[in-house]
């Protein structure tokens, strides 16, 4: 089992996305938050292999899990006993926009 730590910027991304979805359709924000929570549980339990990122991001050690129903990845770094979530990244964002956050881990 891994400890999951979420960087403040990643938490803000999740909160902003949930608020946006909720404004689009009542209840959809909760569905988004539930999808994030489910993915974080899978990361914590270490029962789902995380997907590699692009070559550049992968070279930084980043892995990702794709959310169900939503065009988002949870981007994290896996350490021996910890997963550090560095981004809740929409698929339309520039790849690797979060790379400077790695220094905070």
PDB file of N, CA and C in Angstrom:
ATOM      1  N   UNK A   1       0.844  -1.181   0.000  1.00  0.00           N
ATOM      2  CA  UNK A   1       0.000   0.000   0.000  1.00  0.00           C
ATOM      3  C   UNK A   1       0.889   1.244   0.000  1.00  0.00           C
ATOM      4  N   UNK A   2       0.533   2.195  -0.826  1.00  0.00           N
ATOM      5  CA  UNK A   2       1.283   3.447  -0.923  1.00  0.00           C
ATOM      6  C   UNK A   2       0.553   4.562  -0.191  1.00  0.00           C
ATOM      7  N   UNK A   3       1.310   5.464   0.375  1.00  0.00           N
ATOM      8  CA  UNK A   3       0.735   6.704   0.873  1.00  0.00           C
ATOM      9  C   UNK A   3       0.601   7.634  -0.322  1.00  0.00           C
ATOM     10  N   UNK A   4      -0.557   8.261  -0.466  1.00  0.00           N
ATOM     11  CA  UNK A   4      -0.776   9.193  -1.569  1.00  0.00           C
ATOM     12  C   UNK A   4      -0.714  10.614  -1.028  1.00  0.00           C
ATOM     13  N   UNK A   5       0.185  11.395  -1.607  1.00  0.00           N
ATOM     14  CA  UNK A   5       0.308  12.812  -1.244  1.00  0.00           C
ATOM     15  C   UNK A   5      -0.044  13.627  -2.482  1.00  0.00           C
ATOM     16  N   UNK A   6      -0.882  14.631  -2.299  1.00  0.00           N
ATOM     17  CA  UNK A   6      -1.355  15.439  -3.427  1.00  0.00           C
ATOM     18  C   UNK A   6      -0.810  16.850  -3.288  1.00  0.00           C
ATOM     19  N   UNK A   7      -0.068  17.293  -4.292  1.00  0.00           N
ATOM     20  CA  UNK A   7       0.427  18.668  -4.271  1.00  0.00           C
ATOM     21  C   UNK A   7      -0.744  19.642  -4.333  1.00  0.00           C
ATOM     22  N   UNK A   8      -0.557  20.794  -3.718  1.00  0.00           N
ATOM     23  CA  UNK A   8      -1.611  21.809  -3.660  1.00  0.00           C
ATOM     24  C   UNK A   8      -2.134  22.174  -5.050  1.00  0.00           C
ATOM     25  N   UNK A   9      -1.227  22.324  -6.011  1.00  0.00           N
ATOM     26  CA  UNK A   9      -1.645  22.682  -7.370  1.00  0.00           C
ATOM     27  C   UNK A   9      -2.552  21.609  -7.982  1.00  0.00           C
ATOM     28  N   UNK A  10      -2.234  20.356  -7.720  1.00  0.00           N
ATOM     29  CA  UNK A  10      -3.055  19.264  -8.247  1.00  0.00           C
ATOM     30  C   UNK A  10      -4.428  19.259  -7.585  1.00  0.00           C
ATOM     31  N   UNK A  11      -4.458  19.496  -6.282  1.00  0.00           N
ATOM     32  CA  UNK A  11      -5.738  19.568  -5.575  1.00  0.00           C
ATOM     33  C   UNK A  11      -6.590  20.712  -6.119  1.00  0.00           C
ATOM     34  N   UNK A  12      -5.954  21.841  -6.404  1.00  0.00           N
ATOM     35  CA  UNK A  12      -6.681  22.985  -6.975  1.00  0.00           C
ATOM     36  C   UNK A  12      -7.230  22.648  -8.359  1.00  0.00           C
ATOM     37  N   UNK A  13      -6.456  21.927  -9.161  1.00  0.00           N
ATOM     38  CA  UNK A  13      -6.940  21.524 -10.486  1.00  0.00           C
ATOM     39  C   UNK A  13      -8.189  20.653 -10.365  1.00  0.00           C
ATOM     40  N   UNK A  14      -8.174  19.730  -9.415  1.00  0.00           N
ATOM     41  CA  UNK A  14      -9.329  18.851  -9.222  1.00  0.00           C
ATOM     42  C   UNK A  14     -10.546  19.644  -8.761  1.00  0.00           C
ATOM     43  N   UNK A  15     -10.334  20.571  -7.836  1.00  0.00           N
ATOM     44  CA  UNK A  15     -11.435  21.390  -7.324  1.00  0.00           C
ATOM     45  C   UNK A  15     -12.032  22.255  -8.428  1.00  0.00           C
ATOM     46  N   UNK A  16     -11.168  22.885  -9.215  1.00  0.00           N
ATOM     47  CA  UNK A  16     -11.642  23.740 -10.314  1.00  0.00           C
ATOM     48  C   UNK A  16     -12.397  22.931 -11.369  1.00  0.00           C
ATOM     49  N   UNK A  17     -11.889  21.754 -11.694  1.00  0.00           N
ATOM     50  CA  UNK A  17     -12.564  20.920 -12.694  1.00  0.00           C
ATOM     51  C   UNK A  17     -13.927  20.459 -12.183  1.00  0.00           C
ATOM     52  N   UNK A  18     -13.989  20.051 -10.920  1.00  0.00           N
ATOM     53  CA  UNK A  18     -15.268  19.617 -10.348  1.00  0.00           C
ATOM     54  C   UNK A  18     -16.279  20.761 -10.361  1.00  0.00           C
ATOM     55  N   UNK A  19     -15.828  21.964 -10.029  1.00  0.00           N
ATOM     56  CA  UNK A  19     -16.723  23.129 -10.042  1.00  0.00           C
ATOM     57  C   UNK A  19     -17.221  23.407 -11.458  1.00  0.00           C
ATOM     58  N   UNK A  20     -16.340  23.293 -12.434  1.00  0.00           N
ATOM     59  CA  UNK A  20     -16.746  23.531 -13.818  1.00  0.00           C
ATOM     60  C   UNK A  20     -17.787  22.504 -14.255  1.00  0.00           C
ATOM     61  N   UNK A  21     -17.522  21.224 -13.984  1.00  0.00           N
ATOM     62  CA  UNK A  21     -18.483  20.188 -14.363  1.00  0.00           C
ATOM     63  C   UNK A  21     -19.823  20.398 -13.660  1.00  0.00           C
ATOM     64  N   UNK A  22     -19.783  20.802 -12.405  1.00  0.00           N
ATOM     65  CA  UNK A  22     -21.024  21.039 -11.660  1.00  0.00           C
ATOM     66  C   UNK A  22     -21.817  22.184 -12.281  1.00  0.00           C
ATOM     67  N   UNK A  23     -21.107  23.204 -12.770  1.00  0.00           N
ATOM     68  CA  UNK A  23     -21.798  24.333 -13.406  1.00  0.00           C
ATOM     69  C   UNK A  23     -22.412  23.935 -14.751  1.00  0.00           C
ATOM     70  N   UNK A  24     -21.836  22.926 -15.386  1.00  0.00           N
ATOM     71  CA  UNK A  24     -22.364  22.449 -16.662  1.00  0.00           C
ATOM     72  C   UNK A  24     -23.607  21.585 -16.478  1.00  0.00           C
ATOM     73  N   UNK A  25     -23.573  20.759 -15.431  1.00  0.00           N
ATOM     74  CA  UNK A  25     -24.709  19.877 -15.165  1.00  0.00           C
ATOM     75  C   UNK A  25     -24.675  19.485 -13.688  1.00  0.00           C
ATOM     76  N   UNK A  26     -25.724  19.817 -12.934  1.00  0.00           N
ATOM     77  CA  UNK A  26     -25.748  19.455 -11.518  1.00  0.00           C
ATOM     78  C   UNK A  26     -25.514  17.955 -11.323  1.00  0.00           C
ATOM     79  N   UNK A  27     -24.623  17.652 -10.405  1.00  0.00           N
ATOM     80  CA  UNK A  27     -24.269  16.268 -10.106  1.00  0.00           C
ATOM     81  C   UNK A  27     -23.027  15.787 -10.834  1.00  0.00           C
ATOM     82  N   UNK A  28     -22.689  16.439 -11.945  1.00  0.00           N
ATOM     83  CA  UNK A  28     -21.529  16.003 -12.721  1.00  0.00           C
ATOM     84  C   UNK A  28     -20.220  16.321 -11.992  1.00  0.00           C
ATOM     85  N   UNK A  29     -20.208  17.399 -11.225  1.00  0.00           N
ATOM     86  CA  UNK A  29     -19.023  17.725 -10.432  1.00  0.00           C
ATOM     87  C   UNK A  29     -18.734  16.647  -9.405  1.00  0.00           C
ATOM     88  N   UNK A  30     -19.788  16.134  -8.768  1.00  0.00           N
ATOM     89  CA  UNK A  30     -19.614  15.042  -7.809  1.00  0.00           C
ATOM     90  C   UNK A  30     -19.122  13.787  -8.518  1.00  0.00           C
ATOM     91  N   UNK A  31     -19.660  13.535  -9.708  1.00  0.00           N
ATOM     92  CA  UNK A  31     -19.193  12.376 -10.478  1.00  0.00           C
ATOM     93  C   UNK A  31     -17.701  12.493 -10.786  1.00  0.00           C
ATOM     94  N   UNK A  32     -17.259  13.703 -11.138  1.00  0.00           N
ATOM     95  CA  UNK A  32     -15.836  13.920 -11.405  1.00  0.00           C
ATOM     96  C   UNK A  32     -15.019  13.660 -10.141  1.00  0.00           C
ATOM     97  N   UNK A  33     -15.454  14.238  -9.019  1.00  0.00           N
ATOM     98  CA  UNK A  33     -14.736  14.035  -7.751  1.00  0.00           C
ATOM     99  C   UNK A  33     -14.687  12.562  -7.379  1.00  0.00           C
ATOM    100  N   UNK A  34     -15.788  11.852  -7.605  1.00  0.00           N
ATOM    101  CA  UNK A  34     -15.810  10.412  -7.324  1.00  0.00           C
ATOM    102  C   UNK A  34     -14.827   9.656  -8.213  1.00  0.00           C
ATOM    103  N   UNK A  35     -14.719  10.053  -9.485  1.00  0.00           N
ATOM    104  CA  UNK A  35     -13.771   9.407 -10.397  1.00  0.00           C
ATOM    105  C   UNK A  35     -12.336   9.639  -9.938  1.00  0.00           C
ATOM    106  N   UNK A  36     -12.049  10.854  -9.471  1.00  0.00           N
ATOM    107  CA  UNK A  36     -10.715  11.161  -8.941  1.00  0.00           C
ATOM    108  C   UNK A  36     -10.449  10.308  -7.704  1.00  0.00           C
ATOM    109  N   UNK A  37     -11.416  10.250  -6.785  1.00  0.00           N
ATOM    110  CA  UNK A  37     -11.242   9.465  -5.561  1.00  0.00           C
ATOM    111  C   UNK A  37     -11.014   7.985  -5.869  1.00  0.00           C
ATOM    112  N   UNK A  38     -11.755   7.455  -6.821  1.00  0.00           N
ATOM    113  CA  UNK A  38     -11.585   6.050  -7.205  1.00  0.00           C
ATOM    114  C   UNK A  38     -10.181   5.803  -7.749  1.00  0.00           C
ATOM    115  N   UNK A  39      -9.717   6.698  -8.602  1.00  0.00           N
ATOM    116  CA  UNK A  39      -8.369   6.555  -9.165  1.00  0.00           C
ATOM    117  C   UNK A  39      -7.308   6.658  -8.073  1.00  0.00           C
ATOM    118  N   UNK A  40      -7.495   7.586  -7.136  1.00  0.00           N
ATOM    119  CA  UNK A  40      -6.533   7.724  -6.036  1.00  0.00           C
ATOM    120  C   UNK A  40      -6.518   6.472  -5.167  1.00  0.00           C
ATOM    121  N   UNK A  41      -7.682   5.863  -4.955  1.00  0.00           N
ATOM    122  CA  UNK A  41      -7.739   4.606  -4.200  1.00  0.00           C
ATOM    123  C   UNK A  41      -6.960   3.503  -4.916  1.00  0.00           C
ATOM    124  N   UNK A  42      -7.092   3.434  -6.238  1.00  0.00           N
ATOM    125  CA  UNK A  42      -6.353   2.423  -7.002  1.00  0.00           C
ATOM    126  C   UNK A  42      -4.849   2.649  -6.902  1.00  0.00           C
ATOM    127  N   UNK A  43      -4.445   3.918  -6.940  1.00  0.00           N
ATOM    128  CA  UNK A  43      -3.021   4.234  -6.786  1.00  0.00           C
ATOM    129  C   UNK A  43      -2.558   3.829  -5.396  1.00  0.00           C
ATOM    130  N   UNK A  44      -3.338   4.178  -4.376  1.00  0.00           N
ATOM    131  CA  UNK A  44      -2.976   3.860  -2.989  1.00  0.00           C
ATOM    132  C   UNK A  44      -2.842   2.355  -2.778  1.00  0.00           C
ATOM    133  N   UNK A  45      -3.773   1.602  -3.331  1.00  0.00           N
ATOM    134  CA  UNK A  45      -3.747   0.145  -3.175  1.00  0.00           C
ATOM    135  C   UNK A  45      -2.676  -0.506  -4.048  1.00  0.00           C
ATOM    136  N   UNK A  46      -2.135   0.267  -4.992  1.00  0.00           N
ATOM    137  CA  UNK A  46      -1.077  -0.216  -5.880  1.00  0.00           C
ATOM    138  C   UNK A  46      -1.512  -1.471  -6.635  1.00  0.00           C
ATOM    139  N   UNK A  47      -2.796  -1.489  -7.048  1.00  0.00           N
ATOM    140  CA  UNK A  47      -3.325  -2.671  -7.730  1.00  0.00           C
ATOM    141  C   UNK A  47      -3.491  -2.464  -9.229  1.00  0.00           C
ATOM    142  N   UNK A  48      -3.206  -1.268  -9.694  1.00  0.00           N
ATOM    143  CA  UNK A  48      -3.367  -0.972 -11.109  1.00  0.00           C
ATOM    144  C   UNK A  48      -2.053  -0.436 -11.642  1.00  0.00           C
ATOM    145  N   UNK A  49      -1.510  -1.063 -12.666  1.00  0.00           N
ATOM    146  CA  UNK A  49      -0.262  -0.516 -13.204  1.00  0.00           C
ATOM    147  C   UNK A  49      -0.511   0.859 -13.816  1.00  0.00           C
ATOM    148  N   UNK A  50       0.329   1.797 -13.466  1.00  0.00           N
ATOM    149  CA  UNK A  50       0.218   3.148 -14.008  1.00  0.00           C
ATOM    150  C   UNK A  50       0.855   3.188 -15.384  1.00  0.00           C
ATOM    151  N   UNK A  51       0.296   3.995 -16.239  1.00  0.00           N
ATOM    152  CA  UNK A  51       0.785   4.107 -17.610  1.00  0.00           C
ATOM    153  C   UNK A  51       1.961   5.061 -17.688  1.00  0.00           C
ATOM    154  N   UNK A  52       2.915   4.763 -18.553  1.00  0.00           N
ATOM    155  CA  UNK A  52       4.020   5.709 -18.734  1.00  0.00           C
ATOM    156  C   UNK A  52       3.529   6.961 -19.438  1.00  0.00           C
ATOM    157  N   UNK A  53       4.236   8.029 -19.230  1.00  0.00           N
ATOM    158  CA  UNK A  53       3.940   9.293 -19.892  1.00  0.00           C
ATOM    159  C   UNK A  53       4.724   9.335 -21.204  1.00  0.00           C
ATOM    160  N   UNK A  54       4.643  10.460 -21.883  1.00  0.00           N
ATOM    161  CA  UNK A  54       5.432  10.662 -23.099  1.00  0.00           C
ATOM    162  C   UNK A  54       6.915  10.534 -22.757  1.00  0.00           C
ATOM    163  N   UNK A  55       7.749  10.476 -23.755  1.00  0.00           N
ATOM    164  CA  UNK A  55       9.185  10.280 -23.532  1.00  0.00           C
ATOM    165  C   UNK A  55       9.763  11.317 -22.584  1.00  0.00           C
ATOM    166  N   UNK A  56       9.455  12.592 -22.821  1.00  0.00           N
ATOM    167  CA  UNK A  56      10.014  13.653 -21.976  1.00  0.00           C
ATOM    168  C   UNK A  56       9.510  13.537 -20.543  1.00  0.00           C
ATOM    169  N   UNK A  57       8.200  13.401 -20.374  1.00  0.00           N
ATOM    170  CA  UNK A  57       7.630  13.307 -19.033  1.00  0.00           C
ATOM    171  C   UNK A  57       8.046  12.007 -18.358  1.00  0.00           C
ATOM    172  N   UNK A  58       8.105  10.933 -19.138  1.00  0.00           N
ATOM    173  CA  UNK A  58       8.526   9.659 -18.581  1.00  0.00           C
ATOM    174  C   UNK A  58       9.955   9.698 -18.087  1.00  0.00           C
ATOM    175  N   UNK A  59      10.791  10.458 -18.758  1.00  0.00           N
ATOM    176  CA  UNK A  59      12.179  10.604 -18.322  1.00  0.00           C
ATOM    177  C   UNK A  59      12.254  11.279 -16.960  1.00  0.00           C
ATOM    178  N   UNK A  60      11.230  12.038 -16.619  1.00  0.00           N
ATOM    179  CA  UNK A  60      11.177  12.687 -15.308  1.00  0.00           C
ATOM    180  C   UNK A  60      10.643  11.738 -14.241  1.00  0.00           C
ATOM    181  N   UNK A  61      10.232  10.546 -14.645  1.00  0.00           N
ATOM    182  CA  UNK A  61       9.731   9.552 -13.711  1.00  0.00           C
ATOM    183  C   UNK A  61       8.231   9.598 -13.491  1.00  0.00           C
ATOM    184  N   UNK A  62       7.514  10.346 -14.295  1.00  0.00           N
ATOM    185  CA  UNK A  62       6.073  10.496 -14.113  1.00  0.00           C
ATOM    186  C   UNK A  62       5.309   9.311 -14.695  1.00  0.00           C
ATOM    187  N   UNK A  63       4.229   8.968 -14.021  1.00  0.00           N
ATOM    188  CA  UNK A  63       3.295   7.942 -14.477  1.00  0.00           C
ATOM    189  C   UNK A  63       1.900   8.556 -14.440  1.00  0.00           C
ATOM    190  N   UNK A  64       0.937   7.875 -15.064  1.00  0.00           N
ATOM    191  CA  UNK A  64      -0.408   8.435 -15.077  1.00  0.00           C
ATOM    192  C   UNK A  64      -1.462   7.344 -15.011  1.00  0.00           C
ATOM    193  N   UNK A  65      -2.628   7.753 -14.564  1.00  0.00           N
ATOM    194  CA  UNK A  65      -3.815   6.919 -14.625  1.00  0.00           C
ATOM    195  C   UNK A  65      -4.882   7.777 -15.303  1.00  0.00           C
ATOM    196  N   UNK A  66      -5.595   7.204 -16.237  1.00  0.00           N
ATOM    197  CA  UNK A  66      -6.616   7.938 -16.981  1.00  0.00           C
ATOM    198  C   UNK A  66      -7.946   7.786 -16.257  1.00  0.00           C
ATOM    199  N   UNK A  67      -8.613   8.916 -16.018  1.00  0.00           N
ATOM    200  CA  UNK A  67      -9.916   8.863 -15.358  1.00  0.00           C
ATOM    201  C   UNK A  67     -10.966   8.265 -16.289  1.00  0.00           C
ATOM    202  N   UNK A  68     -11.869   7.508 -15.714  1.00  0.00           N
ATOM    203  CA  UNK A  68     -13.009   7.010 -16.480  1.00  0.00           C
ATOM    204  C   UNK A  68     -14.007   8.144 -16.646  1.00  0.00           C
ATOM    205  N   UNK A  69     -14.586   8.238 -17.823  1.00  0.00           N
ATOM    206  CA  UNK A  69     -15.639   9.207 -18.166  1.00  0.00           C
ATOM    207  C   UNK A  69     -15.157  10.630 -18.377  1.00  0.00           C
ATOM    208  N   UNK A  70     -13.970  10.959 -17.961  1.00  0.00           N
ATOM    209  CA  UNK A  70     -13.518  12.345 -18.030  1.00  0.00           C
ATOM    210  C   UNK A  70     -12.158  12.413 -18.731  1.00  0.00           C
ATOM    211  N   UNK A  71     -11.915  13.466 -19.508  1.00  0.00           N
ATOM    212  CA  UNK A  71     -10.654  13.583 -20.252  1.00  0.00           C
ATOM    213  C   UNK A  71      -9.519  14.138 -19.390  1.00  0.00           C
ATOM    214  N   UNK A  72      -9.197  13.408 -18.335  1.00  0.00           N
ATOM    215  CA  UNK A  72      -8.175  13.835 -17.381  1.00  0.00           C
ATOM    216  C   UNK A  72      -7.256  12.672 -17.048  1.00  0.00           C
ATOM    217  N   UNK A  73      -6.011  13.016 -16.757  1.00  0.00           N
ATOM    218  CA  UNK A  73      -5.041  12.075 -16.197  1.00  0.00           C
ATOM    219  C   UNK A  73      -4.699  12.524 -14.789  1.00  0.00           C
ATOM    220  N   UNK A  74      -4.458  11.563 -13.926  1.00  0.00           N
ATOM    221  CA  UNK A  74      -3.807  11.864 -12.654  1.00  0.00           C
ATOM    222  C   UNK A  74      -2.344  11.534 -12.883  1.00  0.00           C
ATOM    223  N   UNK A  75      -1.501  12.543 -12.765  1.00  0.00           N
ATOM    224  CA  UNK A  75      -0.065  12.391 -13.014  1.00  0.00           C
ATOM    225  C   UNK A  75       0.631  12.297 -11.663  1.00  0.00           C
ATOM    226  N   UNK A  76       1.456  11.269 -11.501  1.00  0.00           N
ATOM    227  CA  UNK A  76       2.122  11.107 -10.212  1.00  0.00           C
ATOM    228  C   UNK A  76       3.530  10.542 -10.381  1.00  0.00           C
ATOM    229  N   UNK A  77       4.266  10.708  -9.316  1.00  0.00           N
ATOM    230  CA  UNK A  77       5.592  10.107  -9.196  1.00  0.00           C
ATOM    231  C   UNK A  77       5.476   9.006  -8.156  1.00  0.00           C
ATOM    232  N   UNK A  78       6.007   7.847  -8.461  1.00  0.00           N
ATOM    233  CA  UNK A  78       5.953   6.734  -7.524  1.00  0.00           C
ATOM    234  C   UNK A  78       7.305   6.612  -6.843  1.00  0.00           C
ATOM    235  N   UNK A  79       7.260   6.679  -5.543  1.00  0.00           N
ATOM    236  CA  UNK A  79       8.446   6.504  -4.706  1.00  0.00           C
ATOM    237  C   UNK A  79       8.306   5.166  -3.981  1.00  0.00           C
ATOM    238  N   UNK A  80       9.309   4.726  -3.232  1.00  0.00           N
ATOM    239  CA  UNK A  80       9.214   3.405  -2.600  1.00  0.00           C
ATOM    240  C   UNK A  80       7.926   3.169  -1.794  1.00  0.00           C
ATOM    241  N   UNK A  81       7.492   4.126  -0.992  1.00  0.00           N
ATOM    242  CA  UNK A  81       6.289   3.941  -0.183  1.00  0.00           C
ATOM    243  C   UNK A  81       5.267   5.041  -0.386  1.00  0.00           C
ATOM    244  N   UNK A  82       5.440   5.821  -1.437  1.00  0.00           N
ATOM    245  CA  UNK A  82       4.604   7.001  -1.607  1.00  0.00           C
ATOM    246  C   UNK A  82       4.331   7.270  -3.088  1.00  0.00           C
ATOM    247  N   UNK A  83       3.130   7.744  -3.357  1.00  0.00           N
ATOM    248  CA  UNK A  83       2.780   8.265  -4.680  1.00  0.00           C
ATOM    249  C   UNK A  83       2.497   9.746  -4.495  1.00  0.00           C
ATOM    250  N   UNK A  84       3.196  10.577  -5.241  1.00  0.00           N
ATOM    251  CA  UNK A  84       3.006  12.024  -5.149  1.00  0.00           C
ATOM    252  C   UNK A  84       2.240  12.469  -6.389  1.00  0.00           C
ATOM    253  N   UNK A  85       1.017  12.951  -6.180  1.00  0.00           N
ATOM    254  CA  UNK A  85       0.192  13.433  -7.291  1.00  0.00           C
ATOM    255  C   UNK A  85       0.630  14.855  -7.601  1.00  0.00           C
ATOM    256  N   UNK A  86       1.113  15.057  -8.821  1.00  0.00           N
ATOM    257  CA  UNK A  86       1.617  16.380  -9.189  1.00  0.00           C
ATOM    258  C   UNK A  86       0.674  17.133 -10.114  1.00  0.00           C
ATOM    259  N   UNK A  87      -0.312  16.438 -10.700  1.00  0.00           N
ATOM    260  CA  UNK A  87      -1.269  17.134 -11.570  1.00  0.00           C
ATOM    261  C   UNK A  87      -2.526  16.300 -11.755  1.00  0.00           C
ATOM    262  N   UNK A  88      -3.636  17.008 -11.892  1.00  0.00           N
ATOM    263  CA  UNK A  88      -4.880  16.443 -12.396  1.00  0.00           C
ATOM    264  C   UNK A  88      -5.042  17.150 -13.739  1.00  0.00           C
ATOM    265  N   UNK A  89      -4.531  16.530 -14.780  1.00  0.00           N
ATOM    266  CA  UNK A  89      -4.287  17.206 -16.054  1.00  0.00           C
ATOM    267  C   UNK A  89      -5.343  16.892 -17.107  1.00  0.00           C
ATOM    268  N   UNK A  90      -5.981  17.939 -17.626  1.00  0.00           N
ATOM    269  CA  UNK A  90      -6.921  17.776 -18.737  1.00  0.00           C
ATOM    270  C   UNK A  90      -6.125  17.383 -19.983  1.00  0.00           C
ATOM    271  N   UNK A  91      -6.704  16.534 -20.790  1.00  0.00           N
ATOM    272  CA  UNK A  91      -6.009  16.044 -21.981  1.00  0.00           C
ATOM    273  C   UNK A  91      -5.680  17.134 -22.988  1.00  0.00           C
ATOM    274  N   UNK A  92      -6.344  18.280 -22.901  1.00  0.00           N
ATOM    275  CA  UNK A  92      -6.054  19.365 -23.845  1.00  0.00           C
ATOM    276  C   UNK A  92      -4.884  20.241 -23.406  1.00  0.00           C
ATOM    277  N   UNK A  93      -4.402  20.040 -22.175  1.00  0.00           N
ATOM    278  CA  UNK A  93      -3.290  20.856 -21.688  1.00  0.00           C
ATOM    279  C   UNK A  93      -1.994  20.477 -22.394  1.00  0.00           C
ATOM    280  N   UNK A  94      -1.059  21.391 -22.413  1.00  0.00           N
ATOM    281  CA  UNK A  94       0.256  21.134 -22.984  1.00  0.00           C
ATOM    282  C   UNK A  94       0.931  20.013 -22.194  1.00  0.00           C
ATOM    283  N   UNK A  95       1.379  18.956 -22.854  1.00  0.00           N
ATOM    284  CA  UNK A  95       2.045  17.873 -22.128  1.00  0.00           C
ATOM    285  C   UNK A  95       3.235  18.392 -21.317  1.00  0.00           C
ATOM    286  N   UNK A  96       3.340  17.907 -20.101  1.00  0.00           N
ATOM    287  CA  UNK A  96       4.463  18.276 -19.250  1.00  0.00           C
ATOM    288  C   UNK A  96       4.380  19.654 -18.628  1.00  0.00           C
ATOM    289  N   UNK A  97       3.228  20.343 -18.733  1.00  0.00           N
ATOM    290  CA  UNK A  97       3.107  21.683 -18.141  1.00  0.00           C
ATOM    291  C   UNK A  97       3.397  21.668 -16.649  1.00  0.00           C
ATOM    292  N   UNK A  98       3.261  20.535 -16.031  1.00  0.00           N
ATOM    293  CA  UNK A  98       3.416  20.367 -14.592  1.00  0.00           C
ATOM    294  C   UNK A  98       4.852  20.007 -14.193  1.00  0.00           C
ATOM    295  N   UNK A  99       5.769  19.898 -15.139  1.00  0.00           N
ATOM    296  CA  UNK A  99       7.114  19.362 -14.848  1.00  0.00           C
ATOM    297  C   UNK A  99       7.866  20.147 -13.779  1.00  0.00           C
ATOM    298  N   UNK A 100       7.645  21.447 -13.695  1.00  0.00           N
ATOM    299  CA  UNK A 100       8.338  22.239 -12.667  1.00  0.00           C
ATOM    300  C   UNK A 100       7.877  21.863 -11.255  1.00  0.00           C
ATOM    301  N   UNK A 101       6.740  21.242 -11.138  1.00  0.00           N
ATOM    302  CA  UNK A 101       6.232  20.834  -9.821  1.00  0.00           C
ATOM    303  C   UNK A 101       7.039  19.688  -9.223  1.00  0.00           C
ATOM    304  N   UNK A 102       7.760  18.968 -10.049  1.00  0.00           N
ATOM    305  CA  UNK A 102       8.535  17.830  -9.556  1.00  0.00           C
ATOM    306  C   UNK A 102       9.527  18.275  -8.491  1.00  0.00           C
ATOM    307  N   UNK A 103      10.040  19.489  -8.621  1.00  0.00           N
ATOM    308  CA  UNK A 103      10.983  20.010  -7.626  1.00  0.00           C
ATOM    309  C   UNK A 103      10.365  20.076  -6.236  1.00  0.00           C
ATOM    310  N   UNK A 104       9.050  20.195  -6.143  1.00  0.00           N
ATOM    311  CA  UNK A 104       8.364  20.310  -4.857  1.00  0.00           C
ATOM    312  C   UNK A 104       8.178  18.968  -4.166  1.00  0.00           C
ATOM    313  N   UNK A 105       8.526  17.899  -4.864  1.00  0.00           N
ATOM    314  CA  UNK A 105       8.294  16.585  -4.286  1.00  0.00           C
ATOM    315  C   UNK A 105       9.480  16.163  -3.468  1.00  0.00           C
TER     316      UNK A 105
END
